[in-house]
Amino acid sequence: MSSQDDNALEDKGEAAEREAAKQRLLAQAEAERVPVDDTTRAVPDRRWRRDQR
C-alpha cells in the first residue's frame, strides 16, 4: 500500500469513530432527557416565604 492509501484508510477510520461517538452521545442524551411534563416550575423565594406564614 502507498502512503496515500494508508491516509485514506485512517481518514475513513477516524470518520467512522467520530460517527460512532456522535451516535453514542445522542443515545445518552436521549436516555437522560426529561420530558417537559416531568419538570417542576420554580417558585420565587418571596412567594414561598409569604405562603409559609
C-alpha atoms as a PDB file:
ATOM      1  CA  MET A   1       0.000   0.000   0.000  1.00  0.00           C
ATOM      2  CA  SER A   2       1.103   3.528  -0.641  1.00  0.00           C
ATOM      3  CA  SER A   3       1.078   6.256   1.973  1.00  0.00           C
ATOM      4  CA  GLN A   4      -1.954   7.803   0.250  1.00  0.00           C
ATOM      5  CA  ASP A   5      -3.885   4.545   0.729  1.00  0.00           C
ATOM      6  CA  ASP A   6      -2.853   4.461   4.388  1.00  0.00           C
ATOM      7  CA  ASN A   7      -4.025   8.053   4.886  1.00  0.00           C
ATOM      8  CA  ALA A   8      -7.345   7.322   3.176  1.00  0.00           C
ATOM      9  CA  LEU A   9      -7.916   4.295   5.428  1.00  0.00           C
ATOM     10  CA  GLU A  10      -7.009   6.327   8.530  1.00  0.00           C
ATOM     11  CA  ASP A  11      -9.383   9.122   7.498  1.00  0.00           C
ATOM     12  CA  LYS A  12     -12.215   6.629   6.960  1.00  0.00           C
ATOM     13  CA  GLY A  13     -11.462   5.000  10.309  1.00  0.00           C
ATOM     14  CA  GLU A  14     -11.435   8.331  12.116  1.00  0.00           C
ATOM     15  CA  ALA A  15     -14.668   9.362  10.432  1.00  0.00           C
ATOM     16  CA  ALA A  16     -16.277   6.082  11.498  1.00  0.00           C
ATOM     17  CA  GLU A  17     -15.052   6.578  15.083  1.00  0.00           C
ATOM     18  CA  ARG A  18     -16.401  10.146  15.147  1.00  0.00           C
ATOM     19  CA  GLU A  19     -19.785   8.990  13.828  1.00  0.00           C
ATOM     20  CA  ALA A  20     -19.931   6.164  16.395  1.00  0.00           C
ATOM     21  CA  ALA A  21     -19.060   8.604  19.208  1.00  0.00           C
ATOM     22  CA  LYS A  22     -21.707  11.022  17.941  1.00  0.00           C
ATOM     23  CA  GLN A  23     -24.333   8.276  17.950  1.00  0.00           C
ATOM     24  CA  ARG A  24     -23.359   7.225  21.496  1.00  0.00           C
ATOM     25  CA  LEU A  25     -23.666  10.820  22.709  1.00  0.00           C
ATOM     26  CA  LEU A  26     -27.044  11.263  21.039  1.00  0.00           C
ATOM     27  CA  ALA A  27     -28.304   7.997  22.536  1.00  0.00           C
ATOM     28  CA  GLN A  28     -27.067   9.018  26.005  1.00  0.00           C
ATOM     29  CA  ALA A  29     -28.664  12.460  25.714  1.00  0.00           C
ATOM     30  CA  GLU A  30     -31.974  10.909  24.666  1.00  0.00           C
ATOM     31  CA  ALA A  31     -31.836   8.441  27.572  1.00  0.00           C
ATOM     32  CA  GLU A  32     -31.173  11.258  30.076  1.00  0.00           C
ATOM     33  CA  ARG A  33     -33.744  13.654  28.602  1.00  0.00           C
ATOM     34  CA  VAL A  34     -36.501  14.679  30.996  1.00  0.00           C
ATOM     35  CA  PRO A  35     -39.915  15.224  29.407  1.00  0.00           C
ATOM     36  CA  VAL A  36     -41.341  18.710  29.891  1.00  0.00           C
ATOM     37  CA  ASP A  37     -44.326  17.299  31.782  1.00  0.00           C
ATOM     38  CA  ASP A  38     -41.983  15.861  34.427  1.00  0.00           C
ATOM     39  CA  THR A  39     -40.257  19.145  35.236  1.00  0.00           C
ATOM     40  CA  THR A  40     -41.370  21.326  38.109  1.00  0.00           C
ATOM     41  CA  ARG A  41     -41.902  25.037  37.993  1.00  0.00           C
ATOM     42  CA  ALA A  42     -39.628  27.104  40.190  1.00  0.00           C
ATOM     43  CA  VAL A  43     -41.429  29.185  42.789  1.00  0.00           C
ATOM     44  CA  PRO A  44     -39.907  32.578  43.567  1.00  0.00           C
ATOM     45  CA  ASP A  45     -38.433  32.740  47.058  1.00  0.00           C
ATOM     46  CA  ARG A  46     -40.617  35.654  48.184  1.00  0.00           C
ATOM     47  CA  ARG A  47     -43.860  33.873  47.326  1.00  0.00           C
ATOM     48  CA  TRP A  48     -42.655  30.748  49.140  1.00  0.00           C
ATOM     49  CA  ARG A  49     -41.916  32.766  52.280  1.00  0.00           C
ATOM     50  CA  ARG A  50     -45.287  34.507  52.093  1.00  0.00           C
ATOM     51  CA  ASP A  51     -47.081  31.116  51.910  1.00  0.00           C
ATOM     52  CA  GLN A  52     -45.181  29.837  54.959  1.00  0.00           C
ATOM     53  CA  ARG A  53     -46.604  32.480  57.334  1.00  0.00           C
END
